[in-house]
Amino acid sequence: MSSAPLFVMAFAAVNLISYMLFWYDKNCAKKGGWRISESALLLCTLLGGSPAAFFAMHQFRHKTRKTTFRIRYWLIVAVQIIGGLWWVSHR
């Protein structure tokens, strides 16, 4: 059996989780509630949730002004792109 369906399901799941974490953190920020740590948001991004994180950041206008967060986010995206290109070229 091919691992492609499993990869697609895992990718979809981590992106859904990433989106929900950003949504939840934004709601907590508005209400002054308990927040999700930046490291947790970035970890979910690192695990493959960068597309949903990007979409959620802009849809909810969350973490878009915090320069250190954006730098770390884009470093993660760069590592993912470089890693993906390396993986594809070495198959």
Protein backbone atom coordinates (compact mmCIF):
# COMPACT_ATOMS: atom_id res chain seq x y z
CA MET A 1 0.00 0.00 0.00
CA SER A 2 1.22 3.46 -0.87
CA SER A 3 2.09 5.87 1.93
CA ALA A 4 0.67 8.80 -0.07
CA PRO A 5 -2.87 8.62 1.42
CA LEU A 6 -1.41 8.47 4.93
CA PHE A 7 0.81 11.48 4.18
CA VAL A 8 -2.14 13.45 2.79
CA MET A 9 -4.28 12.65 5.84
CA ALA A 10 -1.47 13.60 8.24
CA PHE A 11 -0.80 16.82 6.30
CA ALA A 12 -4.49 17.73 6.38
CA ALA A 13 -4.73 16.95 10.10
CA VAL A 14 -1.70 19.02 11.10
CA ASN A 15 -2.96 21.93 9.02
CA LEU A 16 -6.42 21.73 10.59
CA ILE A 17 -4.83 21.68 14.04
CA SER A 18 -2.58 24.60 13.14
CA TYR A 19 -5.54 26.65 11.89
CA MET A 20 -7.56 25.88 15.01
CA LEU A 21 -4.67 26.78 17.32
CA PHE A 22 -4.27 30.18 15.69
CA TRP A 23 -8.03 30.75 15.83
CA TYR A 24 -8.19 29.71 19.48
CA ASP A 25 -5.19 31.86 20.43
CA LYS A 26 -6.69 34.89 18.69
CA ASN A 27 -9.98 34.40 20.54
CA CYS A 28 -8.14 34.08 23.84
CA ALA A 29 -6.15 37.22 23.04
CA LYS A 30 -9.37 39.16 22.45
CA LYS A 31 -10.97 37.89 25.66
CA GLY A 32 -7.86 38.04 27.84
CA GLY A 33 -7.91 34.28 28.38
CA TRP A 34 -5.20 31.64 28.63
CA ARG A 35 -3.05 31.78 25.50
CA ILE A 36 -1.31 29.21 23.33
CA SER A 37 2.46 29.66 23.52
CA GLU A 38 4.31 30.92 20.47
CA SER A 39 6.52 27.86 20.64
CA ALA A 40 3.44 25.62 20.32
CA LEU A 41 2.19 27.62 17.34
CA LEU A 42 5.60 27.42 15.70
CA LEU A 43 5.96 23.71 16.47
CA CYS A 44 2.70 23.00 14.69
CA THR A 45 3.96 25.14 11.81
CA LEU A 46 7.22 23.16 11.75
CA LEU A 47 5.36 19.84 11.70
CA GLY A 48 3.76 20.83 8.39
CA GLY A 49 1.05 23.30 9.33
CA SER A 50 2.70 26.26 7.64
CA PRO A 51 0.05 26.70 4.90
CA ALA A 52 -2.81 26.84 7.42
CA ALA A 53 -0.74 28.99 9.77
CA PHE A 54 -0.17 31.51 6.98
CA PHE A 55 -3.85 31.56 6.09
CA ALA A 56 -4.95 31.85 9.73
CA MET A 57 -2.42 34.57 10.54
CA HIS A 58 -3.82 36.74 7.78
CA GLN A 59 -7.48 35.80 8.15
CA PHE A 60 -7.51 36.52 11.89
CA ARG A 61 -4.84 39.27 11.74
CA HIS A 62 -2.96 37.36 14.39
CA LYS A 63 0.81 37.50 14.93
CA THR A 64 1.21 39.53 11.74
CA ARG A 65 2.76 42.51 13.53
CA LYS A 66 5.10 40.60 15.81
CA THR A 67 8.38 40.71 13.93
CA THR A 68 10.17 37.97 15.89
CA PHE A 69 7.29 35.56 15.31
CA ARG A 70 7.14 36.35 11.59
CA ILE A 71 10.90 35.86 11.22
CA ARG A 72 10.73 32.47 12.92
CA TYR A 73 7.70 31.52 10.83
CA TRP A 74 9.47 32.38 7.55
CA LEU A 75 12.64 30.57 8.66
CA ILE A 76 10.54 27.45 9.21
CA VAL A 77 8.95 27.84 5.77
CA ALA A 78 12.39 28.28 4.18
CA VAL A 79 13.68 25.12 5.90
CA GLN A 80 10.59 23.22 4.72
CA ILE A 81 11.04 24.39 1.13
CA ILE A 82 14.77 23.60 1.10
CA GLY A 83 14.15 20.23 2.74
CA GLY A 84 11.38 19.42 0.27
CA LEU A 85 13.53 20.36 -2.70
CA TRP A 86 16.42 18.29 -1.34
CA TRP A 87 14.12 15.30 -0.74
CA VAL A 88 12.64 15.48 -4.25
CA SER A 89 16.05 15.84 -5.90
CA HIS A 90 17.51 12.87 -4.00
CA ARG A 91 14.77 10.32 -4.68
